Amino acid sequence: MPDPTSRTIPRPIDEALIEQFNRELGALSSPARVALPNTNLAEHMIELQDDEGCLVGFIPADTAPRMAAIAYRLYGQAFNRGVRAGEEAAWAKLRHLVGAAAAER
């Protein structure tokens, strides 16, 4: 039974492979994109990028686009939770400062 999380790469990692992978991500309605890595340290790896072209991480080139889309969705959920936690901490600090300033009056 074939592994649904990966696929066989019949050719070297090149622009044609990247374009096909991105078409498949688009067909899945994923905002994620992939690109050729900017470093030689990532042999057999491709860059997973957000919708602004910023590096999210490296994934194996034989990863199925559906798995890349899932990984990106999980990354987005964790990122948003981190942003919300930071906002909550900032508001708590602001409330504390306003309370401290009001108490000094």
PDB file of N, CA and C in Angstrom:
ATOM      1  N   MET A   1       0.850  -1.182   0.000  1.00  0.00           N
ATOM      2  CA  MET A   1       0.000   0.000   0.000  1.00  0.00           C
ATOM      3  C   MET A   1       0.893   1.242   0.000  1.00  0.00           C
ATOM      4  N   PRO A   2       0.676   2.197  -0.886  1.00  0.00           N
ATOM      5  CA  PRO A   2       1.530   3.381  -0.943  1.00  0.00           C
ATOM      6  C   PRO A   2       1.356   4.267   0.285  1.00  0.00           C
ATOM      7  N   ASP A   3       2.423   4.954   0.621  1.00  0.00           N
ATOM      8  CA  ASP A   3       2.419   5.867   1.758  1.00  0.00           C
ATOM      9  C   ASP A   3       1.711   7.159   1.351  1.00  0.00           C
ATOM     10  N   PRO A   4       0.573   7.533   1.993  1.00  0.00           N
ATOM     11  CA  PRO A   4      -0.164   8.724   1.589  1.00  0.00           C
ATOM     12  C   PRO A   4       0.522  10.026   2.005  1.00  0.00           C
ATOM     13  N   THR A   5       1.580   9.926   2.805  1.00  0.00           N
ATOM     14  CA  THR A   5       2.261  11.136   3.261  1.00  0.00           C
ATOM     15  C   THR A   5       3.413  11.538   2.361  1.00  0.00           C
ATOM     16  N   SER A   6       3.764  10.705   1.409  1.00  0.00           N
ATOM     17  CA  SER A   6       4.879  11.034   0.527  1.00  0.00           C
ATOM     18  C   SER A   6       4.597  10.529  -0.878  1.00  0.00           C
ATOM     19  N   ARG A   7       5.453  10.912  -1.776  1.00  0.00           N
ATOM     20  CA  ARG A   7       5.335  10.472  -3.155  1.00  0.00           C
ATOM     21  C   ARG A   7       6.729  10.291  -3.715  1.00  0.00           C
ATOM     22  N   THR A   8       6.840   9.539  -4.790  1.00  0.00           N
ATOM     23  CA  THR A   8       8.133   9.310  -5.418  1.00  0.00           C
ATOM     24  C   THR A   8       8.480  10.511  -6.285  1.00  0.00           C
ATOM     25  N   ILE A   9       9.696  11.008  -6.135  1.00  0.00           N
ATOM     26  CA  ILE A   9      10.179  12.114  -6.951  1.00  0.00           C
ATOM     27  C   ILE A   9      10.940  11.499  -8.129  1.00  0.00           C
ATOM     28  N   PRO A  10      10.363  11.526  -9.341  1.00  0.00           N
ATOM     29  CA  PRO A  10      10.990  10.856 -10.474  1.00  0.00           C
ATOM     30  C   PRO A  10      12.131  11.645 -11.101  1.00  0.00           C
ATOM     31  N   ARG A  11      12.344  12.866 -10.657  1.00  0.00           N
ATOM     32  CA  ARG A  11      13.379  13.700 -11.268  1.00  0.00           C
ATOM     33  C   ARG A  11      14.001  14.580 -10.193  1.00  0.00           C
ATOM     34  N   PRO A  12      15.085  15.250 -10.523  1.00  0.00           N
ATOM     35  CA  PRO A  12      15.703  16.138  -9.539  1.00  0.00           C
ATOM     36  C   PRO A  12      14.763  17.277  -9.145  1.00  0.00           C
ATOM     37  N   ILE A  13      15.044  17.852  -8.000  1.00  0.00           N
ATOM     38  CA  ILE A  13      14.249  18.991  -7.555  1.00  0.00           C
ATOM     39  C   ILE A  13      14.590  20.172  -8.462  1.00  0.00           C
ATOM     40  N   ASP A  14      13.590  20.648  -9.194  1.00  0.00           N
ATOM     41  CA  ASP A  14      13.799  21.769 -10.105  1.00  0.00           C
ATOM     42  C   ASP A  14      12.549  22.642 -10.115  1.00  0.00           C
ATOM     43  N   GLU A  15      12.568  23.684 -10.923  1.00  0.00           N
ATOM     44  CA  GLU A  15      11.443  24.620 -10.982  1.00  0.00           C
ATOM     45  C   GLU A  15      10.150  23.937 -11.425  1.00  0.00           C
ATOM     46  N   ALA A  16      10.250  22.965 -12.335  1.00  0.00           N
ATOM     47  CA  ALA A  16       9.051  22.263 -12.796  1.00  0.00           C
ATOM     48  C   ALA A  16       8.390  21.513 -11.635  1.00  0.00           C
ATOM     49  N   LEU A  17       9.176  20.868 -10.799  1.00  0.00           N
ATOM     50  CA  LEU A  17       8.646  20.159  -9.637  1.00  0.00           C
ATOM     51  C   LEU A  17       7.992  21.151  -8.677  1.00  0.00           C
ATOM     52  N   ILE A  18       8.640  22.282  -8.455  1.00  0.00           N
ATOM     53  CA  ILE A  18       8.108  23.305  -7.552  1.00  0.00           C
ATOM     54  C   ILE A  18       6.781  23.845  -8.089  1.00  0.00           C
ATOM     55  N   GLU A  19       6.720  24.123  -9.381  1.00  0.00           N
ATOM     56  CA  GLU A  19       5.487  24.637  -9.985  1.00  0.00           C
ATOM     57  C   GLU A  19       4.348  23.634  -9.842  1.00  0.00           C
ATOM     58  N   GLN A  20       4.631  22.356 -10.091  1.00  0.00           N
ATOM     59  CA  GLN A  20       3.604  21.321  -9.954  1.00  0.00           C
ATOM     60  C   GLN A  20       3.142  21.208  -8.503  1.00  0.00           C
ATOM     61  N   PHE A  21       4.075  21.231  -7.570  1.00  0.00           N
ATOM     62  CA  PHE A  21       3.740  21.136  -6.156  1.00  0.00           C
ATOM     63  C   PHE A  21       2.839  22.307  -5.768  1.00  0.00           C
ATOM     64  N   ASN A  22       3.180  23.518  -6.219  1.00  0.00           N
ATOM     65  CA  ASN A  22       2.374  24.699  -5.897  1.00  0.00           C
ATOM     66  C   ASN A  22       0.994  24.634  -6.540  1.00  0.00           C
ATOM     67  N   ARG A  23       0.894  24.081  -7.743  1.00  0.00           N
ATOM     68  CA  ARG A  23      -0.428  23.894  -8.360  1.00  0.00           C
ATOM     69  C   ARG A  23      -1.277  22.955  -7.507  1.00  0.00           C
ATOM     70  N   GLU A  24      -0.655  21.896  -7.019  1.00  0.00           N
ATOM     71  CA  GLU A  24      -1.387  20.939  -6.185  1.00  0.00           C
ATOM     72  C   GLU A  24      -1.793  21.574  -4.852  1.00  0.00           C
ATOM     73  N   LEU A  25      -0.936  22.402  -4.273  1.00  0.00           N
ATOM     74  CA  LEU A  25      -1.311  23.119  -3.052  1.00  0.00           C
ATOM     75  C   LEU A  25      -2.482  24.061  -3.326  1.00  0.00           C
ATOM     76  N   GLY A  26      -2.442  24.743  -4.459  1.00  0.00           N
ATOM     77  CA  GLY A  26      -3.539  25.635  -4.839  1.00  0.00           C
ATOM     78  C   GLY A  26      -4.846  24.877  -5.009  1.00  0.00           C
ATOM     79  N   ALA A  27      -4.778  23.680  -5.600  1.00  0.00           N
ATOM     80  CA  ALA A  27      -5.972  22.858  -5.778  1.00  0.00           C
ATOM     81  C   ALA A  27      -6.563  22.434  -4.435  1.00  0.00           C
ATOM     82  N   LEU A  28      -5.720  22.400  -3.409  1.00  0.00           N
ATOM     83  CA  LEU A  28      -6.177  22.067  -2.051  1.00  0.00           C
ATOM     84  C   LEU A  28      -6.632  23.310  -1.291  1.00  0.00           C
ATOM     85  N   SER A  29      -6.629  24.466  -1.956  1.00  0.00           N
ATOM     86  CA  SER A  29      -6.986  25.761  -1.351  1.00  0.00           C
ATOM     87  C   SER A  29      -6.062  26.129  -0.198  1.00  0.00           C
ATOM     88  N   SER A  30      -4.820  25.724  -0.295  1.00  0.00           N
ATOM     89  CA  SER A  30      -3.839  26.052   0.733  1.00  0.00           C
ATOM     90  C   SER A  30      -3.089  27.323   0.334  1.00  0.00           C
ATOM     91  N   PRO A  31      -2.910  28.270   1.277  1.00  0.00           N
ATOM     92  CA  PRO A  31      -2.126  29.465   0.980  1.00  0.00           C
ATOM     93  C   PRO A  31      -0.622  29.191   1.008  1.00  0.00           C
ATOM     94  N   ALA A  32      -0.235  28.011   1.463  1.00  0.00           N
ATOM     95  CA  ALA A  32       1.186  27.657   1.532  1.00  0.00           C
ATOM     96  C   ALA A  32       1.753  27.530   0.127  1.00  0.00           C
ATOM     97  N   ARG A  33       3.032  27.748   0.028  1.00  0.00           N
ATOM     98  CA  ARG A  33       3.748  27.570  -1.229  1.00  0.00           C
ATOM     99  C   ARG A  33       5.081  26.909  -0.911  1.00  0.00           C
ATOM    100  N   VAL A  34       5.712  26.343  -1.922  1.00  0.00           N
ATOM    101  CA  VAL A  34       7.048  25.784  -1.757  1.00  0.00           C
ATOM    102  C   VAL A  34       7.983  26.468  -2.741  1.00  0.00           C
ATOM    103  N   ALA A  35       9.271  26.396  -2.445  1.00  0.00           N
ATOM    104  CA  ALA A  35      10.288  26.999  -3.307  1.00  0.00           C
ATOM    105  C   ALA A  35      11.563  26.181  -3.189  1.00  0.00           C
ATOM    106  N   LEU A  36      12.436  26.377  -4.163  1.00  0.00           N
ATOM    107  CA  LEU A  36      13.757  25.770  -4.065  1.00  0.00           C
ATOM    108  C   LEU A  36      14.473  26.384  -2.874  1.00  0.00           C
ATOM    109  N   PRO A  37      15.202  25.599  -2.108  1.00  0.00           N
ATOM    110  CA  PRO A  37      15.900  26.148  -0.947  1.00  0.00           C
ATOM    111  C   PRO A  37      16.995  27.119  -1.363  1.00  0.00           C
ATOM    112  N   ASN A  38      17.205  28.126  -0.524  1.00  0.00           N
ATOM    113  CA  ASN A  38      18.250  29.117  -0.772  1.00  0.00           C
ATOM    114  C   ASN A  38      19.605  28.672  -0.242  1.00  0.00           C
ATOM    115  N   THR A  39      19.678  27.465   0.258  1.00  0.00           N
ATOM    116  CA  THR A  39      20.916  26.964   0.847  1.00  0.00           C
ATOM    117  C   THR A  39      21.188  25.550   0.361  1.00  0.00           C
ATOM    118  N   ASN A  40      22.428  25.182   0.318  1.00  0.00           N
ATOM    119  CA  ASN A  40      22.795  23.818  -0.060  1.00  0.00           C
ATOM    120  C   ASN A  40      22.706  22.864   1.117  1.00  0.00           C
ATOM    121  N   LEU A  41      22.414  23.377   2.301  1.00  0.00           N
ATOM    122  CA  LEU A  41      22.320  22.540   3.489  1.00  0.00           C
ATOM    123  C   LEU A  41      21.063  21.679   3.483  1.00  0.00           C
ATOM    124  N   ALA A  42      20.150  21.979   2.594  1.00  0.00           N
ATOM    125  CA  ALA A  42      18.864  21.297   2.588  1.00  0.00           C
ATOM    126  C   ALA A  42      18.732  20.355   1.397  1.00  0.00           C
ATOM    127  N   GLU A  43      19.645  19.409   1.276  1.00  0.00           N
ATOM    128  CA  GLU A  43      19.598  18.465   0.166  1.00  0.00           C
ATOM    129  C   GLU A  43      18.339  17.608   0.266  1.00  0.00           C
ATOM    130  N   HIS A  44      17.660  17.444  -0.852  1.00  0.00           N
ATOM    131  CA  HIS A  44      16.414  16.687  -0.944  1.00  0.00           C
ATOM    132  C   HIS A  44      15.284  17.340  -0.151  1.00  0.00           C
ATOM    133  N   MET A  45      15.439  18.614   0.140  1.00  0.00           N
ATOM    134  CA  MET A  45      14.422  19.349   0.888  1.00  0.00           C
ATOM    135  C   MET A  45      13.957  20.529   0.042  1.00  0.00           C
ATOM    136  N   ILE A  46      12.739  20.967   0.299  1.00  0.00           N
ATOM    137  CA  ILE A  46      12.217  22.183  -0.323  1.00  0.00           C
ATOM    138  C   ILE A  46      11.723  23.096   0.788  1.00  0.00           C
ATOM    139  N   GLU A  47      11.655  24.381   0.487  1.00  0.00           N
ATOM    140  CA  GLU A  47      11.185  25.351   1.470  1.00  0.00           C
ATOM    141  C   GLU A  47       9.665  25.369   1.482  1.00  0.00           C
ATOM    142  N   LEU A  48       9.090  25.315   2.667  1.00  0.00           N
ATOM    143  CA  LEU A  48       7.668  25.565   2.847  1.00  0.00           C
ATOM    144  C   LEU A  48       7.554  27.029   3.232  1.00  0.00           C
ATOM    145  N   GLN A  49       6.743  27.783   2.485  1.00  0.00           N
ATOM    146  CA  GLN A  49       6.639  29.221   2.699  1.00  0.00           C
ATOM    147  C   GLN A  49       5.200  29.611   2.991  1.00  0.00           C
ATOM    148  N   ASP A  50       5.068  30.750   3.693  1.00  0.00           N
ATOM    149  CA  ASP A  50       3.729  31.269   3.939  1.00  0.00           C
ATOM    150  C   ASP A  50       3.235  32.037   2.719  1.00  0.00           C
ATOM    151  N   ASP A  51       2.062  32.624   2.829  1.00  0.00           N
ATOM    152  CA  ASP A  51       1.473  33.312   1.679  1.00  0.00           C
ATOM    153  C   ASP A  51       2.205  34.593   1.295  1.00  0.00           C
ATOM    154  N   GLU A  52       3.152  35.034   2.124  1.00  0.00           N
ATOM    155  CA  GLU A  52       3.965  36.207   1.807  1.00  0.00           C
ATOM    156  C   GLU A  52       5.364  35.825   1.324  1.00  0.00           C
ATOM    157  N   GLY A  53       5.607  34.536   1.180  1.00  0.00           N
ATOM    158  CA  GLY A  53       6.897  34.060   0.696  1.00  0.00           C
ATOM    159  C   GLY A  53       7.961  33.943   1.774  1.00  0.00           C
ATOM    160  N   CYS A  54       7.560  34.016   3.035  1.00  0.00           N
ATOM    161  CA  CYS A  54       8.517  33.880   4.141  1.00  0.00           C
ATOM    162  C   CYS A  54       8.692  32.402   4.497  1.00  0.00           C
ATOM    163  N   LEU A  55       9.910  32.031   4.792  1.00  0.00           N
ATOM    164  CA  LEU A  55      10.235  30.645   5.129  1.00  0.00           C
ATOM    165  C   LEU A  55       9.528  30.208   6.405  1.00  0.00           C
ATOM    166  N   VAL A  56       8.834  29.105   6.323  1.00  0.00           N
ATOM    167  CA  VAL A  56       8.212  28.476   7.490  1.00  0.00           C
ATOM    168  C   VAL A  56       9.119  27.358   7.977  1.00  0.00           C
ATOM    169  N   GLY A  57       9.675  26.598   7.045  1.00  0.00           N
ATOM    170  CA  GLY A  57      10.560  25.499   7.391  1.00  0.00           C
ATOM    171  C   GLY A  57      10.898  24.711   6.140  1.00  0.00           C
ATOM    172  N   PHE A  58      11.640  23.646   6.321  1.00  0.00           N
ATOM    173  CA  PHE A  58      12.008  22.770   5.219  1.00  0.00           C
ATOM    174  C   PHE A  58      11.214  21.479   5.339  1.00  0.00           C
ATOM    175  N   ILE A  59      10.795  20.956   4.200  1.00  0.00           N
ATOM    176  CA  ILE A  59      10.105  19.670   4.170  1.00  0.00           C
ATOM    177  C   ILE A  59      10.788  18.800   3.117  1.00  0.00           C
ATOM    178  N   PRO A  60      10.746  17.475   3.276  1.00  0.00           N
ATOM    179  CA  PRO A  60      11.328  16.603   2.256  1.00  0.00           C
ATOM    180  C   PRO A  60      10.620  16.809   0.917  1.00  0.00           C
ATOM    181  N   ALA A  61      11.356  16.750  -0.152  1.00  0.00           N
ATOM    182  CA  ALA A  61      10.799  16.969  -1.487  1.00  0.00           C
ATOM    183  C   ALA A  61       9.768  15.908  -1.856  1.00  0.00           C
ATOM    184  N   ASP A  62       9.814  14.742  -1.214  1.00  0.00           N
ATOM    185  CA  ASP A  62       8.843  13.699  -1.538  1.00  0.00           C
ATOM    186  C   ASP A  62       7.579  13.768  -0.680  1.00  0.00           C
ATOM    187  N   THR A  63       7.429  14.840   0.093  1.00  0.00           N
ATOM    188  CA  THR A  63       6.220  15.037   0.890  1.00  0.00           C
ATOM    189  C   THR A  63       5.038  15.249  -0.048  1.00  0.00           C
ATOM    190  N   ALA A  64       3.924  14.630   0.268  1.00  0.00           N
ATOM    191  CA  ALA A  64       2.715  14.841  -0.527  1.00  0.00           C
ATOM    192  C   ALA A  64       2.185  16.252  -0.269  1.00  0.00           C
ATOM    193  N   PRO A  65       1.689  16.935  -1.289  1.00  0.00           N
ATOM    194  CA  PRO A  65       1.152  18.283  -1.095  1.00  0.00           C
ATOM    195  C   PRO A  65       0.072  18.352  -0.011  1.00  0.00           C
ATOM    196  N   ARG A  66      -0.740  17.321   0.102  1.00  0.00           N
ATOM    197  CA  ARG A  66      -1.774  17.312   1.153  1.00  0.00           C
ATOM    198  C   ARG A  66      -1.132  17.381   2.539  1.00  0.00           C
ATOM    199  N   MET A  67      -0.031  16.678   2.747  1.00  0.00           N
ATOM    200  CA  MET A  67       0.660  16.715   4.041  1.00  0.00           C
ATOM    201  C   MET A  67       1.300  18.086   4.273  1.00  0.00           C
ATOM    202  N   ALA A  68       1.835  18.692   3.206  1.00  0.00           N
ATOM    203  CA  ALA A  68       2.404  20.037   3.336  1.00  0.00           C
ATOM    204  C   ALA A  68       1.315  21.030   3.711  1.00  0.00           C
ATOM    205  N   ALA A  69       0.140  20.887   3.124  1.00  0.00           N
ATOM    206  CA  ALA A  69      -0.983  21.774   3.445  1.00  0.00           C
ATOM    207  C   ALA A  69      -1.404  21.609   4.907  1.00  0.00           C
ATOM    208  N   ILE A  70      -1.420  20.375   5.383  1.00  0.00           N
ATOM    209  CA  ILE A  70      -1.769  20.121   6.784  1.00  0.00           C
ATOM    210  C   ILE A  70      -0.714  20.726   7.708  1.00  0.00           C
ATOM    211  N   ALA A  71       0.553  20.518   7.380  1.00  0.00           N
ATOM    212  CA  ALA A  71       1.631  21.086   8.203  1.00  0.00           C
ATOM    213  C   ALA A  71       1.518  22.603   8.256  1.00  0.00           C
ATOM    214  N   TYR A  72       1.217  23.221   7.129  1.00  0.00           N
ATOM    215  CA  TYR A  72       1.092  24.680   7.102  1.00  0.00           C
ATOM    216  C   TYR A  72      -0.099  25.145   7.936  1.00  0.00           C
ATOM    217  N   ARG A  73      -1.200  24.429   7.857  1.00  0.00           N
ATOM    218  CA  ARG A  73      -2.385  24.791   8.648  1.00  0.00           C
ATOM    219  C   ARG A  73      -2.078  24.692  10.150  1.00  0.00           C
ATOM    220  N   LEU A  74      -1.362  23.659  10.552  1.00  0.00           N
ATOM    221  CA  LEU A  74      -0.982  23.515  11.963  1.00  0.00           C
ATOM    222  C   LEU A  74      -0.026  24.626  12.391  1.00  0.00           C
ATOM    223  N   TYR A  75       0.908  24.976  11.514  1.00  0.00           N
ATOM    224  CA  TYR A  75       1.813  26.095  11.787  1.00  0.00           C
ATOM    225  C   TYR A  75       1.001  27.377  11.999  1.00  0.00           C
ATOM    226  N   GLY A  76       0.025  27.624  11.134  1.00  0.00           N
ATOM    227  CA  GLY A  76      -0.799  28.827  11.242  1.00  0.00           C
ATOM    228  C   GLY A  76      -1.579  28.876  12.538  1.00  0.00           C
ATOM    229  N   GLN A  77      -2.121  27.740  12.959  1.00  0.00           N
ATOM    230  CA  GLN A  77      -2.860  27.695  14.221  1.00  0.00           C
ATOM    231  C   GLN A  77      -1.942  28.015  15.399  1.00  0.00           C
ATOM    232  N   ALA A  78      -0.759  27.433  15.408  1.00  0.00           N
ATOM    233  CA  ALA A  78       0.190  27.687  16.508  1.00  0.00           C
ATOM    234  C   ALA A  78       0.654  29.142  16.490  1.00  0.00           C
ATOM    235  N   PHE A  79       0.895  29.673  15.303  1.00  0.00           N
ATOM    236  CA  PHE A  79       1.331  31.062  15.186  1.00  0.00           C
ATOM    237  C   PHE A  79       0.254  31.999  15.736  1.00  0.00           C
ATOM    238  N   ASN A  80      -0.992  31.762  15.351  1.00  0.00           N
ATOM    239  CA  ASN A  80      -2.090  32.611  15.821  1.00  0.00           C
ATOM    240  C   ASN A  80      -2.279  32.510  17.327  1.00  0.00           C
ATOM    241  N   ARG A  81      -2.113  31.332  17.883  1.00  0.00           N
ATOM    242  CA  ARG A  81      -2.209  31.193  19.352  1.00  0.00           C
ATOM    243  C   ARG A  81      -1.102  31.979  20.040  1.00  0.00           C
ATOM    244  N   GLY A  82       0.086  31.954  19.470  1.00  0.00           N
ATOM    245  CA  GLY A  82       1.201  32.718  20.028  1.00  0.00           C
ATOM    246  C   GLY A  82       0.936  34.211  19.973  1.00  0.00           C
ATOM    247  N   VAL A  83       0.388  34.670  18.868  1.00  0.00           N
ATOM    248  CA  VAL A  83       0.056  36.097  18.739  1.00  0.00           C
ATOM    249  C   VAL A  83      -0.992  36.474  19.773  1.00  0.00           C
ATOM    250  N   ARG A  84      -2.027  35.663  19.918  1.00  0.00           N
ATOM    251  CA  ARG A  84      -3.075  35.962  20.910  1.00  0.00           C
ATOM    252  C   ARG A  84      -2.507  35.968  22.324  1.00  0.00           C
ATOM    253  N   ALA A  85      -1.621  35.044  22.630  1.00  0.00           N
ATOM    254  CA  ALA A  85      -1.011  35.014  23.971  1.00  0.00           C
ATOM    255  C   ALA A  85      -0.192  36.278  24.204  1.00  0.00           C
ATOM    256  N   GLY A  86       0.523  36.733  23.190  1.00  0.00           N
ATOM    257  CA  GLY A  86       1.293  37.965  23.318  1.00  0.00           C
ATOM    258  C   GLY A  86       0.396  39.172  23.499  1.00  0.00           C
ATOM    259  N   GLU A  87      -0.716  39.212  22.775  1.00  0.00           N
ATOM    260  CA  GLU A  87      -1.670  40.312  22.924  1.00  0.00           C
ATOM    261  C   GLU A  87      -2.265  40.323  24.324  1.00  0.00           C
ATOM    262  N   GLU A  88      -2.621  39.156  24.829  1.00  0.00           N
ATOM    263  CA  GLU A  88      -3.192  39.070  26.171  1.00  0.00           C
ATOM    264  C   GLU A  88      -2.193  39.547  27.220  1.00  0.00           C
ATOM    265  N   ALA A  89      -0.938  39.167  27.063  1.00  0.00           N
ATOM    266  CA  ALA A  89       0.097  39.611  28.005  1.00  0.00           C
ATOM    267  C   ALA A  89       0.282  41.124  27.924  1.00  0.00           C
ATOM    268  N   ALA A  90       0.245  41.676  26.726  1.00  0.00           N
ATOM    269  CA  ALA A  90       0.403  43.128  26.571  1.00  0.00           C
ATOM    270  C   ALA A  90      -0.761  43.875  27.213  1.00  0.00           C
ATOM    271  N   TRP A  91      -1.993  43.378  27.003  1.00  0.00           N
ATOM    272  CA  TRP A  91      -3.144  44.028  27.617  1.00  0.00           C
ATOM    273  C   TRP A  91      -3.089  43.922  29.138  1.00  0.00           C
ATOM    274  N   ALA A  92      -2.673  42.787  29.650  1.00  0.00           N
ATOM    275  CA  ALA A  92      -2.552  42.634  31.111  1.00  0.00           C
ATOM    276  C   ALA A  92      -1.533  43.618  31.661  1.00  0.00           C
ATOM    277  N   LYS A  93      -0.421  43.779  30.984  1.00  0.00           N
ATOM    278  CA  LYS A  93       0.600  44.733  31.421  1.00  0.00           C
ATOM    279  C   LYS A  93       0.056  46.160  31.372  1.00  0.00           C
ATOM    280  N   LEU A  94      -0.668  46.503  30.310  1.00  0.00           N
ATOM    281  CA  LEU A  94      -1.245  47.835  30.188  1.00  0.00           C
ATOM    282  C   LEU A  94      -2.259  48.093  31.295  1.00  0.00           C
ATOM    283  N   ARG A  95      -3.110  47.108  31.576  1.00  0.00           N
ATOM    284  CA  ARG A  95      -4.080  47.272  32.675  1.00  0.00           C
ATOM    285  C   ARG A  95      -3.364  47.473  33.999  1.00  0.00           C
ATOM    286  N   HIS A  96      -2.280  46.740  34.206  1.00  0.00           N
ATOM    287  CA  HIS A  96      -1.497  46.888  35.431  1.00  0.00           C
ATOM    288  C   HIS A  96      -0.908  48.295  35.530  1.00  0.00           C
ATOM    289  N   LEU A  97      -0.340  48.788  34.442  1.00  0.00           N
ATOM    290  CA  LEU A  97       0.254  50.126  34.445  1.00  0.00           C
ATOM    291  C   LEU A  97      -0.796  51.207  34.661  1.00  0.00           C
ATOM    292  N   VAL A  98      -1.964  51.054  34.023  1.00  0.00           N
ATOM    293  CA  VAL A  98      -3.032  52.039  34.216  1.00  0.00           C
ATOM    294  C   VAL A  98      -3.516  52.000  35.654  1.00  0.00           C
ATOM    295  N   GLY A  99      -3.660  50.798  36.198  1.00  0.00           N
ATOM    296  CA  GLY A  99      -4.067  50.681  37.602  1.00  0.00           C
ATOM    297  C   GLY A  99      -3.060  51.285  38.546  1.00  0.00           C
ATOM    298  N   ALA A 100      -1.774  51.062  38.286  1.00  0.00           N
ATOM    299  CA  ALA A 100      -0.731  51.613  39.138  1.00  0.00           C
ATOM    300  C   ALA A 100      -0.704  53.132  39.044  1.00  0.00           C
ATOM    301  N   ALA A 101      -0.900  53.672  37.847  1.00  0.00           N
ATOM    302  CA  ALA A 101      -0.924  55.130  37.667  1.00  0.00           C
ATOM    303  C   ALA A 101      -2.136  55.732  38.369  1.00  0.00           C
ATOM    304  N   ALA A 102      -3.276  55.067  38.302  1.00  0.00           N
ATOM    305  CA  ALA A 102      -4.493  55.574  38.963  1.00  0.00           C
ATOM    306  C   ALA A 102      -4.327  55.528  40.475  1.00  0.00           C
ATOM    307  N   ALA A 103      -3.633  54.536  40.997  1.00  0.00           N
ATOM    308  CA  ALA A 103      -3.450  54.413  42.441  1.00  0.00           C
ATOM    309  C   ALA A 103      -2.513  55.502  42.987  1.00  0.00           C
ATOM    310  N   GLU A 104      -1.630  56.020  42.137  1.00  0.00           N
ATOM    311  CA  GLU A 104      -0.679  57.057  42.584  1.00  0.00           C
ATOM    312  C   GLU A 104      -1.339  58.414  42.686  1.00  0.00           C
ATOM    313  N   ARG A 105      -2.487  58.597  42.131  1.00  0.00           N
ATOM    314  CA  ARG A 105      -3.156  59.897  42.153  1.00  0.00           C
ATOM    315  C   ARG A 105      -3.601  60.251  43.499  1.00  0.00           C
TER     316      ARG A 105
END
